[in-house]
Amino acid sequence: MAVTVGERGLYVDTGDERVELPAAPAPRVVDSTGAGDVLAGTAAARLALGDDLVGALRRGSAAAARSLAGPGGTGWPPVAA
Protein backbone atom coordinates (compact mmCIF):
# COMPACT_ATOMS: atom_id res chain seq x y z
CA MET A 1 0.00 0.00 0.00
CA ALA A 2 1.21 3.53 -0.74
CA VAL A 3 -0.06 6.91 0.35
CA THR A 4 1.07 10.08 -1.37
CA VAL A 5 1.70 13.12 0.80
CA GLY A 6 2.40 15.77 -1.82
CA GLU A 7 5.73 17.53 -1.53
CA ARG A 8 6.70 15.22 1.34
CA GLY A 9 6.69 12.15 -0.93
CA LEU A 10 5.17 8.73 -0.25
CA TYR A 11 4.56 6.43 2.67
CA VAL A 12 4.83 2.79 1.58
CA ASP A 13 3.82 -0.31 3.54
CA THR A 14 5.22 -3.42 1.85
CA GLY A 15 3.74 -5.79 4.40
CA ASP A 16 7.22 -6.42 5.79
CA GLU A 17 8.35 -2.85 6.33
CA ARG A 18 7.19 0.75 6.25
CA VAL A 19 9.23 3.06 4.04
CA GLU A 20 9.09 6.81 3.60
CA LEU A 21 10.16 7.88 0.11
CA PRO A 22 11.03 11.54 -0.35
CA ALA A 23 9.34 13.35 -3.21
CA ALA A 24 11.30 13.43 -6.43
CA PRO A 25 12.25 17.01 -7.28
CA ALA A 26 10.04 18.58 -9.93
CA PRO A 27 12.05 20.49 -12.53
CA ARG A 28 9.15 22.92 -12.91
CA VAL A 29 5.52 22.96 -11.81
CA VAL A 30 2.92 24.03 -14.37
CA ASP A 31 -0.03 21.77 -13.52
CA SER A 32 -0.48 18.85 -11.13
CA THR A 33 -3.38 17.36 -13.10
CA GLY A 34 -2.65 13.73 -13.90
CA ALA A 35 0.41 13.39 -11.66
CA GLY A 36 -1.23 10.66 -9.58
CA ASP A 37 -2.18 8.79 -12.75
CA VAL A 38 1.40 9.04 -14.01
CA LEU A 39 2.69 7.72 -10.67
CA ALA A 40 0.23 4.82 -10.61
CA GLY A 41 0.70 3.91 -14.27
CA THR A 42 4.48 4.01 -14.08
CA ALA A 43 4.54 2.01 -10.85
CA ALA A 44 2.18 -0.60 -12.33
CA ALA A 45 4.32 -0.91 -15.45
CA ARG A 46 7.50 -1.26 -13.36
CA LEU A 47 5.86 -3.94 -11.19
CA ALA A 48 4.89 -5.82 -14.36
CA LEU A 49 8.52 -5.59 -15.46
CA GLY A 50 9.68 -7.15 -12.19
CA ASP A 51 10.62 -4.21 -9.97
CA ASP A 52 9.90 -4.53 -6.26
CA LEU A 53 7.18 -2.28 -4.82
CA VAL A 54 9.51 0.37 -3.39
CA GLY A 55 11.58 0.56 -6.59
CA ALA A 56 8.45 0.78 -8.74
CA LEU A 57 7.05 3.59 -6.61
CA ARG A 58 10.38 5.42 -6.64
CA ARG A 59 10.29 5.41 -10.46
CA GLY A 60 6.60 6.34 -10.43
CA SER A 61 7.35 9.30 -8.20
CA ALA A 62 10.12 10.48 -10.52
CA ALA A 63 7.84 10.21 -13.56
CA ALA A 64 5.06 12.08 -11.73
CA ALA A 65 7.47 14.89 -10.82
CA ARG A 66 8.46 15.26 -14.46
CA SER A 67 4.80 15.27 -15.53
CA LEU A 68 4.21 18.46 -13.52
CA ALA A 69 6.16 20.48 -16.10
CA GLY A 70 3.29 20.53 -18.61
CA PRO A 71 -0.46 21.04 -18.57
CA GLY A 72 -2.56 17.99 -17.73
CA GLY A 73 0.36 15.66 -17.06
CA THR A 74 2.11 16.35 -20.36
CA GLY A 75 5.43 17.49 -18.84
CA TRP A 76 7.67 15.08 -20.73
CA PRO A 77 7.38 11.89 -18.70
CA PRO A 78 10.51 9.78 -19.22
CA VAL A 79 10.46 6.54 -21.20
CA ALA A 80 11.28 3.21 -19.54
CA ALA A 81 14.86 3.26 -20.80
PDB file of N, CA and C in Angstrom:
ATOM      1  N   MET A   1       0.838  -1.162   0.000  1.00  0.00           N
ATOM      2  CA  MET A   1       0.000   0.000   0.000  1.00  0.00           C
ATOM      3  C   MET A   1       0.894   1.239   0.000  1.00  0.00           C
ATOM      4  N   ALA A   2       0.473   2.267  -0.707  1.00  0.00           N
ATOM      5  CA  ALA A   2       1.211   3.531  -0.743  1.00  0.00           C
ATOM      6  C   ALA A   2       0.248   4.691  -0.570  1.00  0.00           C
ATOM      7  N   VAL A   3       0.718   5.696   0.148  1.00  0.00           N
ATOM      8  CA  VAL A   3      -0.060   6.911   0.349  1.00  0.00           C
ATOM      9  C   VAL A   3       0.819   8.082  -0.063  1.00  0.00           C
ATOM     10  N   THR A   4       0.313   8.901  -0.979  1.00  0.00           N
ATOM     11  CA  THR A   4       1.072  10.080  -1.374  1.00  0.00           C
ATOM     12  C   THR A   4       0.796  11.212  -0.395  1.00  0.00           C
ATOM     13  N   VAL A   5       1.835  11.984  -0.121  1.00  0.00           N
ATOM     14  CA  VAL A   5       1.702  13.116   0.800  1.00  0.00           C
ATOM     15  C   VAL A   5       2.320  14.369   0.173  1.00  0.00           C
ATOM     16  N   GLY A   6       1.997  14.568  -1.105  1.00  0.00           N
ATOM     17  CA  GLY A   6       2.404  15.775  -1.819  1.00  0.00           C
ATOM     18  C   GLY A   6       3.904  15.988  -1.850  1.00  0.00           C
ATOM     19  N   GLU A   7       4.315  17.176  -1.484  1.00  0.00           N
ATOM     20  CA  GLU A   7       5.731  17.534  -1.529  1.00  0.00           C
ATOM     21  C   GLU A   7       6.585  16.720  -0.566  1.00  0.00           C
ATOM     22  N   ARG A   8       5.942  16.042   0.378  1.00  0.00           N
ATOM     23  CA  ARG A   8       6.699  15.221   1.337  1.00  0.00           C
ATOM     24  C   ARG A   8       7.009  13.840   0.781  1.00  0.00           C
ATOM     25  N   GLY A   9       6.366  13.426  -0.307  1.00  0.00           N
ATOM     26  CA  GLY A   9       6.690  12.150  -0.931  1.00  0.00           C
ATOM     27  C   GLY A   9       5.620  11.095  -0.760  1.00  0.00           C
ATOM     28  N   LEU A  10       6.057   9.893  -0.358  1.00  0.00           N
ATOM     29  CA  LEU A  10       5.173   8.731  -0.250  1.00  0.00           C
ATOM     30  C   LEU A  10       5.453   7.966   1.031  1.00  0.00           C
ATOM     31  N   TYR A  11       4.412   7.409   1.601  1.00  0.00           N
ATOM     32  CA  TYR A  11       4.559   6.425   2.665  1.00  0.00           C
ATOM     33  C   TYR A  11       4.180   5.085   2.045  1.00  0.00           C
ATOM     34  N   VAL A  12       5.047   4.099   2.194  1.00  0.00           N
ATOM     35  CA  VAL A  12       4.832   2.792   1.584  1.00  0.00           C
ATOM     36  C   VAL A  12       4.847   1.724   2.670  1.00  0.00           C
ATOM     37  N   ASP A  13       3.850   0.844   2.655  1.00  0.00           N
ATOM     38  CA  ASP A  13       3.821  -0.309   3.541  1.00  0.00           C
ATOM     39  C   ASP A  13       3.904  -1.539   2.648  1.00  0.00           C
ATOM     40  N   THR A  14       5.025  -2.250   2.704  1.00  0.00           N
ATOM     41  CA  THR A  14       5.224  -3.416   1.846  1.00  0.00           C
ATOM     42  C   THR A  14       4.652  -4.688   2.454  1.00  0.00           C
ATOM     43  N   GLY A  15       4.174  -4.595   3.684  1.00  0.00           N
ATOM     44  CA  GLY A  15       3.738  -5.786   4.403  1.00  0.00           C
ATOM     45  C   GLY A  15       4.825  -6.261   5.345  1.00  0.00           C
ATOM     46  N   ASP A  16       6.079  -6.058   4.952  1.00  0.00           N
ATOM     47  CA  ASP A  16       7.222  -6.421   5.786  1.00  0.00           C
ATOM     48  C   ASP A  16       7.854  -5.208   6.452  1.00  0.00           C
ATOM     49  N   GLU A  17       7.724  -4.067   5.809  1.00  0.00           N
ATOM     50  CA  GLU A  17       8.347  -2.854   6.334  1.00  0.00           C
ATOM     51  C   GLU A  17       7.550  -1.627   5.905  1.00  0.00           C
ATOM     52  N   ARG A  18       7.774  -0.542   6.619  1.00  0.00           N
ATOM     53  CA  ARG A  18       7.193   0.745   6.250  1.00  0.00           C
ATOM     54  C   ARG A  18       8.330   1.649   5.819  1.00  0.00           C
ATOM     55  N   VAL A  19       8.181   2.247   4.641  1.00  0.00           N
ATOM     56  CA  VAL A  19       9.226   3.063   4.044  1.00  0.00           C
ATOM     57  C   VAL A  19       8.666   4.438   3.735  1.00  0.00           C
ATOM     58  N   GLU A  20       9.451   5.456   3.993  1.00  0.00           N
ATOM     59  CA  GLU A  20       9.087   6.811   3.603  1.00  0.00           C
ATOM     60  C   GLU A  20       9.992   7.205   2.441  1.00  0.00           C
ATOM     61  N   LEU A  21       9.396   7.450   1.282  1.00  0.00           N
ATOM     62  CA  LEU A  21      10.157   7.878   0.106  1.00  0.00           C
ATOM     63  C   LEU A  21      10.022   9.384  -0.053  1.00  0.00           C
ATOM     64  N   PRO A  22      11.135  10.097  -0.131  1.00  0.00           N
ATOM     65  CA  PRO A  22      11.031  11.541  -0.353  1.00  0.00           C
ATOM     66  C   PRO A  22      10.478  11.823  -1.745  1.00  0.00           C
ATOM     67  N   ALA A  23       9.866  12.959  -1.903  1.00  0.00           N
ATOM     68  CA  ALA A  23       9.342  13.353  -3.214  1.00  0.00           C
ATOM     69  C   ALA A  23      10.501  13.570  -4.178  1.00  0.00           C
ATOM     70  N   ALA A  24      10.313  13.137  -5.395  1.00  0.00           N
ATOM     71  CA  ALA A  24      11.304  13.429  -6.434  1.00  0.00           C
ATOM     72  C   ALA A  24      11.198  14.916  -6.764  1.00  0.00           C
ATOM     73  N   PRO A  25      12.321  15.576  -6.974  1.00  0.00           N
ATOM     74  CA  PRO A  25      12.250  17.011  -7.283  1.00  0.00           C
ATOM     75  C   PRO A  25      11.602  17.259  -8.645  1.00  0.00           C
ATOM     76  N   ALA A  26      10.695  18.192  -8.677  1.00  0.00           N
ATOM     77  CA  ALA A  26      10.038  18.575  -9.928  1.00  0.00           C
ATOM     78  C   ALA A  26      10.871  19.668 -10.590  1.00  0.00           C
ATOM     79  N   PRO A  27      11.245  19.468 -11.861  1.00  0.00           N
ATOM     80  CA  PRO A  27      12.045  20.488 -12.533  1.00  0.00           C
ATOM     81  C   PRO A  27      11.316  21.816 -12.663  1.00  0.00           C
ATOM     82  N   ARG A  28       9.991  21.734 -12.759  1.00  0.00           N
ATOM     83  CA  ARG A  28       9.150  22.919 -12.914  1.00  0.00           C
ATOM     84  C   ARG A  28       7.721  22.476 -12.679  1.00  0.00           C
ATOM     85  N   VAL A  29       6.918  23.317 -12.065  1.00  0.00           N
ATOM     86  CA  VAL A  29       5.518  22.959 -11.812  1.00  0.00           C
ATOM     87  C   VAL A  29       4.614  23.892 -12.600  1.00  0.00           C
ATOM     88  N   VAL A  30       3.898  23.296 -13.569  1.00  0.00           N
ATOM     89  CA  VAL A  30       2.918  24.031 -14.368  1.00  0.00           C
ATOM     90  C   VAL A  30       1.511  23.611 -13.953  1.00  0.00           C
ATOM     91  N   ASP A  31       1.307  22.297 -13.794  1.00  0.00           N
ATOM     92  CA  ASP A  31      -0.026  21.771 -13.522  1.00  0.00           C
ATOM     93  C   ASP A  31       0.131  20.394 -12.879  1.00  0.00           C
ATOM     94  N   SER A  32      -0.582  20.153 -11.797  1.00  0.00           N
ATOM     95  CA  SER A  32      -0.484  18.851 -11.128  1.00  0.00           C
ATOM     96  C   SER A  32      -1.520  17.843 -11.634  1.00  0.00           C
ATOM     97  N   THR A  33      -2.371  18.262 -12.561  1.00  0.00           N
ATOM     98  CA  THR A  33      -3.382  17.358 -13.103  1.00  0.00           C
ATOM     99  C   THR A  33      -2.710  16.130 -13.707  1.00  0.00           C
ATOM    100  N   GLY A  34      -3.152  14.972 -13.325  1.00  0.00           N
ATOM    101  CA  GLY A  34      -2.653  13.729 -13.901  1.00  0.00           C
ATOM    102  C   GLY A  34      -1.416  13.163 -13.227  1.00  0.00           C
ATOM    103  N   ALA A  35      -0.829  13.877 -12.283  1.00  0.00           N
ATOM    104  CA  ALA A  35       0.409  13.387 -11.657  1.00  0.00           C
ATOM    105  C   ALA A  35       0.182  12.058 -10.937  1.00  0.00           C
ATOM    106  N   GLY A  36      -0.935  11.921 -10.261  1.00  0.00           N
ATOM    107  CA  GLY A  36      -1.227  10.656  -9.584  1.00  0.00           C
ATOM    108  C   GLY A  36      -1.409   9.514 -10.564  1.00  0.00           C
ATOM    109  N   ASP A  37      -2.018   9.817 -11.715  1.00  0.00           N
ATOM    110  CA  ASP A  37      -2.182   8.787 -12.751  1.00  0.00           C
ATOM    111  C   ASP A  37      -0.828   8.374 -13.313  1.00  0.00           C
ATOM    112  N   VAL A  38       0.057   9.344 -13.504  1.00  0.00           N
ATOM    113  CA  VAL A  38       1.402   9.041 -14.007  1.00  0.00           C
ATOM    114  C   VAL A  38       2.147   8.170 -12.991  1.00  0.00           C
ATOM    115  N   LEU A  39       2.044   8.522 -11.709  1.00  0.00           N
ATOM    116  CA  LEU A  39       2.692   7.725 -10.669  1.00  0.00           C
ATOM    117  C   LEU A  39       2.160   6.298 -10.687  1.00  0.00           C
ATOM    118  N   ALA A  40       0.839   6.148 -10.660  1.00  0.00           N
ATOM    119  CA  ALA A  40       0.232   4.820 -10.612  1.00  0.00           C
ATOM    120  C   ALA A  40       0.541   3.998 -11.862  1.00  0.00           C
ATOM    121  N   GLY A  41       0.437   4.629 -13.022  1.00  0.00           N
ATOM    122  CA  GLY A  41       0.703   3.911 -14.270  1.00  0.00           C
ATOM    123  C   GLY A  41       2.145   3.473 -14.391  1.00  0.00           C
ATOM    124  N   THR A  42       3.064   4.359 -14.014  1.00  0.00           N
ATOM    125  CA  THR A  42       4.479   4.010 -14.078  1.00  0.00           C
ATOM    126  C   THR A  42       4.810   2.913 -13.078  1.00  0.00           C
ATOM    127  N   ALA A  43       4.291   3.042 -11.858  1.00  0.00           N
ATOM    128  CA  ALA A  43       4.544   2.010 -10.846  1.00  0.00           C
ATOM    129  C   ALA A  43       3.975   0.661 -11.294  1.00  0.00           C
ATOM    130  N   ALA A  44       2.776   0.652 -11.856  1.00  0.00           N
ATOM    131  CA  ALA A  44       2.175  -0.600 -12.329  1.00  0.00           C
ATOM    132  C   ALA A  44       3.017  -1.225 -13.435  1.00  0.00           C
ATOM    133  N   ALA A  45       3.484  -0.403 -14.361  1.00  0.00           N
ATOM    134  CA  ALA A  45       4.324  -0.913 -15.449  1.00  0.00           C
ATOM    135  C   ALA A  45       5.625  -1.485 -14.904  1.00  0.00           C
ATOM    136  N   ARG A  46       6.233  -0.789 -13.940  1.00  0.00           N
ATOM    137  CA  ARG A  46       7.501  -1.264 -13.364  1.00  0.00           C
ATOM    138  C   ARG A  46       7.294  -2.555 -12.575  1.00  0.00           C
ATOM    139  N   LEU A  47       6.157  -2.685 -11.881  1.00  0.00           N
ATOM    140  CA  LEU A  47       5.863  -3.944 -11.195  1.00  0.00           C
ATOM    141  C   LEU A  47       5.724  -5.079 -12.200  1.00  0.00           C
ATOM    142  N   ALA A  48       5.050  -4.808 -13.317  1.00  0.00           N
ATOM    143  CA  ALA A  48       4.887  -5.822 -14.361  1.00  0.00           C
ATOM    144  C   ALA A  48       6.232  -6.223 -14.967  1.00  0.00           C
ATOM    145  N   LEU A  49       7.188  -5.300 -14.940  1.00  0.00           N
ATOM    146  CA  LEU A  49       8.524  -5.592 -15.465  1.00  0.00           C
ATOM    147  C   LEU A  49       9.436  -6.256 -14.430  1.00  0.00           C
ATOM    148  N   GLY A  50       8.925  -6.424 -13.200  1.00  0.00           N
ATOM    149  CA  GLY A  50       9.679  -7.154 -12.192  1.00  0.00           C
ATOM    150  C   GLY A  50      10.291  -6.342 -11.072  1.00  0.00           C
ATOM    151  N   ASP A  51      10.095  -5.024 -11.070  1.00  0.00           N
ATOM    152  CA  ASP A  51      10.618  -4.214  -9.965  1.00  0.00           C
ATOM    153  C   ASP A  51       9.901  -4.574  -8.665  1.00  0.00           C
ATOM    154  N   ASP A  52      10.586  -4.384  -7.536  1.00  0.00           N
ATOM    155  CA  ASP A  52       9.899  -4.529  -6.260  1.00  0.00           C
ATOM    156  C   ASP A  52       9.027  -3.295  -6.033  1.00  0.00           C
ATOM    157  N   LEU A  53       8.150  -3.355  -5.034  1.00  0.00           N
ATOM    158  CA  LEU A  53       7.183  -2.278  -4.818  1.00  0.00           C
ATOM    159  C   LEU A  53       7.851  -0.932  -4.578  1.00  0.00           C
ATOM    160  N   VAL A  54       8.854  -0.899  -3.712  1.00  0.00           N
ATOM    161  CA  VAL A  54       9.513   0.370  -3.393  1.00  0.00           C
ATOM    162  C   VAL A  54      10.216   0.934  -4.630  1.00  0.00           C
ATOM    163  N   GLY A  55      10.904   0.099  -5.370  1.00  0.00           N
ATOM    164  CA  GLY A  55      11.577   0.559  -6.588  1.00  0.00           C
ATOM    165  C   GLY A  55      10.597   1.064  -7.628  1.00  0.00           C
ATOM    166  N   ALA A  56       9.471   0.365  -7.780  1.00  0.00           N
ATOM    167  CA  ALA A  56       8.450   0.776  -8.742  1.00  0.00           C
ATOM    168  C   ALA A  56       7.856   2.127  -8.351  1.00  0.00           C
ATOM    169  N   LEU A  57       7.607   2.311  -7.062  1.00  0.00           N
ATOM    170  CA  LEU A  57       7.052   3.587  -6.610  1.00  0.00           C
ATOM    171  C   LEU A  57       8.071   4.716  -6.696  1.00  0.00           C
ATOM    172  N   ARG A  58       9.332   4.402  -6.493  1.00  0.00           N
ATOM    173  CA  ARG A  58      10.376   5.416  -6.641  1.00  0.00           C
ATOM    174  C   ARG A  58      10.406   5.928  -8.085  1.00  0.00           C
ATOM    175  N   ARG A  59      10.321   5.004  -9.043  1.00  0.00           N
ATOM    176  CA  ARG A  59      10.286   5.411 -10.458  1.00  0.00           C
ATOM    177  C   ARG A  59       8.988   6.127 -10.797  1.00  0.00           C
ATOM    178  N   GLY A  60       7.882   5.673 -10.217  1.00  0.00           N
ATOM    179  CA  GLY A  60       6.605   6.343 -10.434  1.00  0.00           C
ATOM    180  C   GLY A  60       6.622   7.766  -9.921  1.00  0.00           C
ATOM    181  N   SER A  61       7.235   7.965  -8.773  1.00  0.00           N
ATOM    182  CA  SER A  61       7.347   9.304  -8.199  1.00  0.00           C
ATOM    183  C   SER A  61       8.176  10.215  -9.098  1.00  0.00           C
ATOM    184  N   ALA A  62       9.269   9.683  -9.625  1.00  0.00           N
ATOM    185  CA  ALA A  62      10.121  10.481 -10.517  1.00  0.00           C
ATOM    186  C   ALA A  62       9.369  10.862 -11.788  1.00  0.00           C
ATOM    187  N   ALA A  63       8.620   9.917 -12.350  1.00  0.00           N
ATOM    188  CA  ALA A  63       7.842  10.212 -13.559  1.00  0.00           C
ATOM    189  C   ALA A  63       6.756  11.245 -13.266  1.00  0.00           C
ATOM    190  N   ALA A  64       6.101  11.118 -12.108  1.00  0.00           N
ATOM    191  CA  ALA A  64       5.056  12.078 -11.734  1.00  0.00           C
ATOM    192  C   ALA A  64       5.641  13.481 -11.581  1.00  0.00           C
ATOM    193  N   ALA A  65       6.822  13.574 -10.978  1.00  0.00           N
ATOM    194  CA  ALA A  65       7.467  14.886 -10.819  1.00  0.00           C
ATOM    195  C   ALA A  65       7.742  15.525 -12.173  1.00  0.00           C
ATOM    196  N   ARG A  66       8.199  14.727 -13.117  1.00  0.00           N
ATOM    197  CA  ARG A  66       8.463  15.260 -14.463  1.00  0.00           C
ATOM    198  C   ARG A  66       7.172  15.664 -15.162  1.00  0.00           C
ATOM    199  N   SER A  67       6.070  14.960 -14.865  1.00  0.00           N
ATOM    200  CA  SER A  67       4.800  15.266 -15.532  1.00  0.00           C
ATOM    201  C   SER A  67       4.244  16.622 -15.121  1.00  0.00           C
ATOM    202  N   LEU A  68       4.703  17.161 -14.006  1.00  0.00           N
ATOM    203  CA  LEU A  68       4.213  18.458 -13.523  1.00  0.00           C
ATOM    204  C   LEU A  68       4.632  19.620 -14.422  1.00  0.00           C
ATOM    205  N   ALA A  69       5.603  19.399 -15.280  1.00  0.00           N
ATOM    206  CA  ALA A  69       6.160  20.481 -16.098  1.00  0.00           C
ATOM    207  C   ALA A  69       5.281  20.875 -17.290  1.00  0.00           C
ATOM    208  N   GLY A  70       4.183  20.183 -17.496  1.00  0.00           N
ATOM    209  CA  GLY A  70       3.295  20.533 -18.609  1.00  0.00           C
ATOM    210  C   GLY A  70       1.841  20.464 -18.181  1.00  0.00           C
ATOM    211  N   PRO A  71       0.947  21.066 -18.938  1.00  0.00           N
ATOM    212  CA  PRO A  71      -0.462  21.037 -18.570  1.00  0.00           C
ATOM    213  C   PRO A  71      -1.057  19.638 -18.684  1.00  0.00           C
ATOM    214  N   GLY A  72      -1.857  19.271 -17.686  1.00  0.00           N
ATOM    215  CA  GLY A  72      -2.558  17.990 -17.732  1.00  0.00           C
ATOM    216  C   GLY A  72      -1.675  16.770 -17.775  1.00  0.00           C
ATOM    217  N   GLY A  73      -0.533  16.814 -17.116  1.00  0.00           N
ATOM    218  CA  GLY A  73       0.363  15.659 -17.064  1.00  0.00           C
ATOM    219  C   GLY A  73       1.197  15.461 -18.299  1.00  0.00           C
ATOM    220  N   THR A  74       1.364  16.499 -19.102  1.00  0.00           N
ATOM    221  CA  THR A  74       2.107  16.350 -20.361  1.00  0.00           C
ATOM    222  C   THR A  74       3.558  16.845 -20.245  1.00  0.00           C
ATOM    223  N   GLY A  75       4.088  16.919 -19.047  1.00  0.00           N
ATOM    224  CA  GLY A  75       5.428  17.487 -18.843  1.00  0.00           C
ATOM    225  C   GLY A  75       6.567  16.555 -19.151  1.00  0.00           C
ATOM    226  N   TRP A  76       6.550  15.911 -20.270  1.00  0.00           N
ATOM    227  CA  TRP A  76       7.668  15.083 -20.730  1.00  0.00           C
ATOM    228  C   TRP A  76       7.995  13.939 -19.788  1.00  0.00           C
ATOM    229  N   PRO A  77       7.039  13.048 -19.514  1.00  0.00           N
ATOM    230  CA  PRO A  77       7.382  11.888 -18.696  1.00  0.00           C
ATOM    231  C   PRO A  77       8.488  11.065 -19.377  1.00  0.00           C
ATOM    232  N   PRO A  78       9.416  10.542 -18.617  1.00  0.00           N
ATOM    233  CA  PRO A  78      10.509   9.776 -19.215  1.00  0.00           C
ATOM    234  C   PRO A  78      10.018   8.433 -19.756  1.00  0.00           C
ATOM    235  N   VAL A  79      10.752   7.882 -20.698  1.00  0.00           N
ATOM    236  CA  VAL A  79      10.458   6.543 -21.204  1.00  0.00           C
ATOM    237  C   VAL A  79      11.141   5.522 -20.295  1.00  0.00           C
ATOM    238  N   ALA A  80      10.760   4.253 -20.420  1.00  0.00           N
ATOM    239  CA  ALA A  80      11.281   3.211 -19.541  1.00  0.00           C
ATOM    240  C   ALA A  80      12.800   3.116 -19.572  1.00  0.00           C
ATOM    241  N   ALA A  81      13.401   3.367 -20.701  1.00  0.00           N
ATOM    242  CA  ALA A  81      14.862   3.259 -20.803  1.00  0.00           C
ATOM    243  C   ALA A  81      15.511   4.283 -19.918  1.00  0.00           C
TER     244      ALA A  81
END
